[in-house]
N, C-alpha and C. Protein backbone atom coordinates (compact mmCIF):
# COMPACT_ATOMS: atom_id res chain seq x y z
N MET A 1 -13.46 54.11 9.01
CA MET A 1 -14.43 54.61 9.96
C MET A 1 -13.79 54.68 11.35
N THR A 2 -14.15 55.71 12.09
CA THR A 2 -13.72 55.80 13.48
C THR A 2 -14.95 55.84 14.37
N ILE A 3 -14.75 55.41 15.60
CA ILE A 3 -15.80 55.50 16.62
C ILE A 3 -15.22 56.20 17.83
N GLU A 4 -16.09 56.70 18.68
CA GLU A 4 -15.64 57.39 19.89
C GLU A 4 -15.83 56.45 21.08
N VAL A 5 -14.75 56.25 21.84
CA VAL A 5 -14.79 55.34 22.99
C VAL A 5 -14.20 56.05 24.22
N VAL A 6 -14.48 55.50 25.39
CA VAL A 6 -13.91 56.05 26.62
C VAL A 6 -12.39 55.91 26.56
N HIS A 7 -11.72 57.02 26.74
CA HIS A 7 -10.25 57.04 26.77
C HIS A 7 -9.76 56.94 28.20
N SER A 8 -10.39 57.72 29.09
CA SER A 8 -9.98 57.72 30.50
C SER A 8 -11.10 58.28 31.36
N LYS A 9 -11.00 57.98 32.66
CA LYS A 9 -12.05 58.41 33.58
C LYS A 9 -11.46 58.68 34.95
N ILE A 10 -11.89 59.79 35.54
CA ILE A 10 -11.62 60.10 36.95
C ILE A 10 -12.94 59.82 37.66
N HIS A 11 -12.97 58.76 38.44
CA HIS A 11 -14.23 58.26 39.00
C HIS A 11 -14.49 58.77 40.41
N ARG A 12 -15.61 59.43 40.58
CA ARG A 12 -16.12 59.87 41.88
C ARG A 12 -15.17 60.79 42.65
N VAL A 13 -15.06 62.01 42.17
CA VAL A 13 -14.34 63.05 42.91
C VAL A 13 -15.36 64.07 43.40
N THR A 14 -14.96 64.83 44.40
CA THR A 14 -15.85 65.80 45.02
C THR A 14 -15.54 67.21 44.50
N VAL A 15 -16.60 67.92 44.12
CA VAL A 15 -16.45 69.30 43.66
C VAL A 15 -16.02 70.17 44.84
N THR A 16 -14.90 70.88 44.67
CA THR A 16 -14.37 71.73 45.74
C THR A 16 -14.71 73.20 45.55
N GLN A 17 -15.01 73.58 44.29
CA GLN A 17 -15.32 74.98 43.98
C GLN A 17 -16.27 75.03 42.80
N ALA A 18 -17.02 76.13 42.72
CA ALA A 18 -17.86 76.43 41.56
C ALA A 18 -17.74 77.94 41.34
N GLU A 19 -17.14 78.35 40.23
CA GLU A 19 -16.85 79.76 39.95
C GLU A 19 -17.67 80.22 38.74
N LEU A 20 -18.80 80.86 39.00
CA LEU A 20 -19.68 81.30 37.91
C LEU A 20 -19.02 82.34 37.02
N ASN A 21 -18.34 83.30 37.59
CA ASN A 21 -17.75 84.40 36.83
C ASN A 21 -16.38 84.03 36.29
N TYR A 22 -16.40 83.11 35.36
CA TYR A 22 -15.19 82.59 34.75
C TYR A 22 -15.53 82.24 33.31
N ILE A 23 -14.55 82.17 32.46
CA ILE A 23 -14.80 81.92 31.04
C ILE A 23 -15.49 80.58 30.81
N GLY A 24 -15.11 79.58 31.53
CA GLY A 24 -15.69 78.25 31.37
C GLY A 24 -14.67 77.19 31.64
N SER A 25 -15.07 75.93 31.71
CA SER A 25 -14.17 74.80 31.86
C SER A 25 -14.30 74.14 33.22
N ILE A 26 -13.44 73.14 33.43
CA ILE A 26 -13.29 72.50 34.74
C ILE A 26 -11.81 72.55 35.09
N THR A 27 -11.51 73.02 36.28
CA THR A 27 -10.14 73.03 36.78
C THR A 27 -9.96 71.75 37.60
N ILE A 28 -8.94 70.97 37.22
CA ILE A 28 -8.68 69.69 37.87
C ILE A 28 -7.23 69.65 38.34
N ASP A 29 -7.02 69.20 39.56
CA ASP A 29 -5.68 68.98 40.11
C ASP A 29 -4.82 68.29 39.04
N ALA A 30 -3.65 68.87 38.75
CA ALA A 30 -2.76 68.34 37.71
C ALA A 30 -2.35 66.89 37.97
N ASP A 31 -2.26 66.48 39.24
CA ASP A 31 -1.92 65.08 39.54
C ASP A 31 -3.00 64.13 39.00
N LEU A 32 -4.26 64.52 39.15
CA LEU A 32 -5.35 63.68 38.66
C LEU A 32 -5.38 63.64 37.14
N VAL A 33 -5.14 64.80 36.51
CA VAL A 33 -5.10 64.88 35.05
C VAL A 33 -4.02 63.95 34.51
N ASP A 34 -2.83 64.03 35.09
CA ASP A 34 -1.72 63.17 34.65
C ASP A 34 -2.04 61.69 34.86
N ALA A 35 -2.55 61.35 36.04
CA ALA A 35 -2.83 59.95 36.35
C ALA A 35 -3.88 59.36 35.40
N ALA A 36 -4.80 60.20 34.95
CA ALA A 36 -5.86 59.74 34.06
C ALA A 36 -5.46 59.83 32.58
N THR A 37 -4.23 60.19 32.32
CA THR A 37 -3.71 60.38 30.96
C THR A 37 -4.56 61.36 30.15
N MET A 38 -5.05 62.38 30.84
CA MET A 38 -5.78 63.46 30.18
C MET A 38 -4.81 64.60 29.95
N VAL A 39 -5.22 65.62 29.19
CA VAL A 39 -4.36 66.77 28.93
C VAL A 39 -5.15 68.06 29.03
N GLU A 40 -4.44 69.13 29.35
CA GLU A 40 -5.06 70.44 29.43
C GLU A 40 -5.70 70.78 28.09
N GLY A 41 -6.90 71.31 28.14
CA GLY A 41 -7.63 71.68 26.94
C GLY A 41 -8.47 70.57 26.35
N GLN A 42 -8.31 69.37 26.85
CA GLN A 42 -9.07 68.23 26.32
C GLN A 42 -10.54 68.35 26.68
N ARG A 43 -11.40 68.01 25.72
CA ARG A 43 -12.84 68.00 25.97
C ARG A 43 -13.18 66.81 26.87
N VAL A 44 -14.00 67.07 27.88
CA VAL A 44 -14.43 66.03 28.82
C VAL A 44 -15.92 66.17 29.08
N GLN A 45 -16.49 65.09 29.54
CA GLN A 45 -17.87 65.08 29.99
C GLN A 45 -17.85 64.96 31.50
N ILE A 46 -18.65 65.78 32.16
CA ILE A 46 -18.77 65.75 33.62
C ILE A 46 -20.15 65.17 33.93
N VAL A 47 -20.18 64.10 34.71
CA VAL A 47 -21.43 63.47 35.11
C VAL A 47 -21.61 63.73 36.60
N ASN A 48 -22.67 64.44 36.95
CA ASN A 48 -22.93 64.79 38.34
C ASN A 48 -23.83 63.73 38.96
N LEU A 49 -23.30 62.99 39.93
CA LEU A 49 -24.06 61.92 40.57
C LEU A 49 -25.16 62.43 41.49
N ASN A 50 -25.07 63.70 41.91
CA ASN A 50 -26.06 64.25 42.82
C ASN A 50 -27.35 64.68 42.12
N ASN A 51 -27.22 65.15 40.87
CA ASN A 51 -28.42 65.65 40.20
C ASN A 51 -28.62 65.10 38.78
N GLY A 52 -27.74 64.24 38.32
CA GLY A 52 -27.90 63.63 37.01
C GLY A 52 -27.46 64.48 35.82
N GLU A 53 -26.97 65.68 36.06
CA GLU A 53 -26.52 66.55 34.97
C GLU A 53 -25.32 65.96 34.25
N ARG A 54 -25.27 66.17 32.95
CA ARG A 54 -24.10 65.81 32.13
C ARG A 54 -23.69 67.08 31.40
N ILE A 55 -22.42 67.45 31.56
CA ILE A 55 -21.89 68.70 31.03
C ILE A 55 -20.66 68.39 30.20
N GLU A 56 -20.52 69.03 29.05
CA GLU A 56 -19.28 68.93 28.29
C GLU A 56 -18.52 70.24 28.43
N THR A 57 -17.23 70.13 28.68
CA THR A 57 -16.37 71.30 28.83
C THR A 57 -14.94 70.86 28.52
N TYR A 58 -13.98 71.65 28.93
CA TYR A 58 -12.57 71.31 28.70
C TYR A 58 -11.77 71.50 29.97
N ILE A 59 -10.61 70.87 30.02
CA ILE A 59 -9.78 70.84 31.23
C ILE A 59 -8.84 72.04 31.30
N ILE A 60 -8.76 72.62 32.49
CA ILE A 60 -7.71 73.57 32.87
C ILE A 60 -6.96 72.92 34.03
N LEU A 61 -5.64 72.97 33.98
CA LEU A 61 -4.85 72.36 35.06
C LEU A 61 -4.95 73.17 36.34
N GLY A 62 -5.21 72.46 37.43
CA GLY A 62 -5.22 73.07 38.75
C GLY A 62 -3.90 72.81 39.45
N GLU A 63 -3.73 73.42 40.59
CA GLU A 63 -2.51 73.25 41.36
C GLU A 63 -2.29 71.78 41.72
N ARG A 64 -1.10 71.33 41.45
CA ARG A 64 -0.71 69.93 41.71
C ARG A 64 -0.83 69.62 43.20
N GLY A 65 -1.50 68.52 43.54
CA GLY A 65 -1.65 68.10 44.93
C GLY A 65 -2.73 68.82 45.71
N SER A 66 -3.46 69.71 45.06
CA SER A 66 -4.47 70.52 45.75
C SER A 66 -5.81 69.82 45.93
N GLY A 67 -6.08 68.81 45.11
CA GLY A 67 -7.39 68.16 45.15
C GLY A 67 -8.49 68.97 44.49
N THR A 68 -8.12 70.02 43.78
CA THR A 68 -9.09 70.92 43.16
C THR A 68 -9.93 70.24 42.09
N ILE A 69 -11.23 70.39 42.23
CA ILE A 69 -12.20 70.06 41.19
C ILE A 69 -13.15 71.26 41.19
N CYS A 70 -12.97 72.13 40.20
CA CYS A 70 -13.73 73.39 40.16
C CYS A 70 -14.46 73.53 38.83
N LEU A 71 -15.78 73.61 38.89
CA LEU A 71 -16.58 73.87 37.70
C LEU A 71 -16.66 75.38 37.51
N ASN A 72 -16.30 75.83 36.31
CA ASN A 72 -16.22 77.25 36.01
C ASN A 72 -17.28 77.67 35.01
N GLY A 73 -17.65 78.95 35.05
CA GLY A 73 -18.59 79.50 34.08
C GLY A 73 -19.96 78.86 34.21
N PRO A 74 -20.65 78.68 33.07
CA PRO A 74 -22.02 78.15 33.12
C PRO A 74 -22.13 76.81 33.84
N ALA A 75 -21.09 75.99 33.79
CA ALA A 75 -21.13 74.69 34.46
C ALA A 75 -21.30 74.84 35.97
N ALA A 76 -20.91 76.00 36.51
CA ALA A 76 -21.06 76.25 37.94
C ALA A 76 -22.53 76.27 38.36
N ARG A 77 -23.42 76.51 37.42
CA ARG A 77 -24.86 76.50 37.71
C ARG A 77 -25.42 75.08 37.76
N ARG A 78 -24.65 74.13 37.26
CA ARG A 78 -25.11 72.74 37.16
C ARG A 78 -24.55 71.84 38.24
N THR A 79 -23.78 72.43 39.16
CA THR A 79 -23.16 71.64 40.23
C THR A 79 -23.05 72.50 41.48
N ALA A 80 -22.82 71.85 42.59
CA ALA A 80 -22.63 72.56 43.85
C ALA A 80 -21.40 71.99 44.53
N VAL A 81 -20.74 72.83 45.32
CA VAL A 81 -19.60 72.35 46.10
C VAL A 81 -20.09 71.18 46.96
N GLY A 82 -19.33 70.10 46.94
CA GLY A 82 -19.69 68.90 47.68
C GLY A 82 -20.32 67.81 46.81
N ASP A 83 -20.76 68.17 45.60
CA ASP A 83 -21.32 67.16 44.69
C ASP A 83 -20.23 66.17 44.29
N THR A 84 -20.64 64.96 43.99
CA THR A 84 -19.73 63.94 43.49
C THR A 84 -19.89 63.84 41.98
N VAL A 85 -18.76 63.90 41.27
CA VAL A 85 -18.80 63.86 39.81
C VAL A 85 -17.84 62.81 39.27
N ILE A 86 -18.08 62.43 38.02
CA ILE A 86 -17.19 61.58 37.26
C ILE A 86 -16.76 62.39 36.05
N VAL A 87 -15.47 62.39 35.75
CA VAL A 87 -14.92 63.11 34.60
C VAL A 87 -14.51 62.06 33.57
N ILE A 88 -15.10 62.15 32.37
CA ILE A 88 -14.87 61.15 31.33
C ILE A 88 -14.30 61.82 30.09
N ALA A 89 -13.20 61.26 29.58
CA ALA A 89 -12.61 61.72 28.32
C ALA A 89 -12.80 60.62 27.28
N TYR A 90 -13.04 61.03 26.06
CA TYR A 90 -13.26 60.09 24.97
C TYR A 90 -12.18 60.28 23.92
N ALA A 91 -11.99 59.27 23.08
CA ALA A 91 -11.03 59.35 21.97
C ALA A 91 -11.65 58.68 20.75
N GLN A 92 -11.25 59.17 19.59
CA GLN A 92 -11.70 58.55 18.35
C GLN A 92 -10.64 57.58 17.87
N MET A 93 -11.09 56.42 17.44
CA MET A 93 -10.17 55.42 16.91
C MET A 93 -10.92 54.47 16.01
N SER A 94 -10.19 53.68 15.28
CA SER A 94 -10.82 52.71 14.41
C SER A 94 -11.47 51.62 15.26
N VAL A 95 -12.39 50.90 14.66
CA VAL A 95 -13.06 49.82 15.37
C VAL A 95 -12.04 48.77 15.84
N SER A 96 -11.08 48.45 14.98
CA SER A 96 -10.07 47.46 15.38
C SER A 96 -9.21 47.96 16.53
N GLU A 97 -8.84 49.25 16.52
CA GLU A 97 -8.09 49.83 17.64
C GLU A 97 -8.93 49.79 18.92
N ALA A 98 -10.20 50.14 18.80
CA ALA A 98 -11.10 50.20 19.95
C ALA A 98 -11.25 48.83 20.61
N LYS A 99 -11.24 47.79 19.82
CA LYS A 99 -11.38 46.43 20.37
C LYS A 99 -10.19 46.05 21.24
N GLU A 100 -9.03 46.63 20.97
CA GLU A 100 -7.81 46.32 21.73
C GLU A 100 -7.51 47.33 22.83
N PHE A 101 -8.12 48.51 22.73
CA PHE A 101 -7.79 49.61 23.62
C PHE A 101 -8.32 49.37 25.04
N LYS A 102 -7.51 49.73 26.04
CA LYS A 102 -7.91 49.66 27.44
C LYS A 102 -7.86 51.07 28.03
N PRO A 103 -8.99 51.61 28.46
CA PRO A 103 -9.00 52.97 29.01
C PRO A 103 -8.28 53.05 30.35
N THR A 104 -7.83 54.25 30.69
CA THR A 104 -7.23 54.52 31.99
C THR A 104 -8.35 54.96 32.93
N LEU A 105 -8.55 54.21 34.00
CA LEU A 105 -9.58 54.52 34.98
C LEU A 105 -8.91 54.74 36.33
N ILE A 106 -9.14 55.92 36.92
CA ILE A 106 -8.57 56.16 38.24
C ILE A 106 -9.69 56.37 39.25
N PHE A 107 -9.41 55.98 40.49
CA PHE A 107 -10.40 56.01 41.55
C PHE A 107 -9.82 56.75 42.75
N PRO A 108 -9.79 58.08 42.69
CA PRO A 108 -9.21 58.85 43.80
C PRO A 108 -10.05 58.71 45.08
N ASN A 109 -9.42 59.06 46.19
CA ASN A 109 -10.13 59.16 47.46
C ASN A 109 -11.12 60.32 47.32
N SER A 110 -12.41 60.05 47.42
CA SER A 110 -13.42 61.09 47.18
C SER A 110 -13.49 62.14 48.29
N GLU A 111 -12.89 61.87 49.43
CA GLU A 111 -12.87 62.87 50.50
C GLU A 111 -11.78 63.91 50.28
N THR A 112 -10.66 63.49 49.69
CA THR A 112 -9.52 64.40 49.49
C THR A 112 -9.22 64.66 48.03
N ASN A 113 -9.86 63.91 47.13
CA ASN A 113 -9.57 63.98 45.69
C ASN A 113 -8.11 63.69 45.40
N SER A 114 -7.51 62.85 46.22
CA SER A 114 -6.11 62.50 46.01
C SER A 114 -6.01 61.04 45.60
N LEU A 115 -4.86 60.67 45.07
CA LEU A 115 -4.65 59.30 44.65
C LEU A 115 -4.24 58.40 45.81
N GLU A 116 -3.95 59.00 46.96
CA GLU A 116 -3.58 58.25 48.15
C GLU A 116 -4.84 57.78 48.85
N GLU A 117 -4.78 56.57 49.36
CA GLU A 117 -5.96 56.01 50.07
C GLU A 117 -6.01 56.49 51.49
């Protein structure tokens, strides 16, 4: 049996763009993706702290060092520029693996979406 557990989290970043006329996804600064041990194309859940929305989509890499957090396509209707969101990735593993697993949690500067304080 496998269960789904939190693999990694980008905690409290600010939405910098919302692009309705796009195929879909969330564009995230590649530095944040790497730091959170996430990968392009990975399914993630976006939790919007401003309105309580929870959205599932997938990651597209944004320009490294740009601080980009852009909700694309239909997700752009569920968020606004300036909203604070949490990006959560999950992984499937056995119960015994899950008991030992430690997720990667990053806490970027929410004003710049950078890893620097």
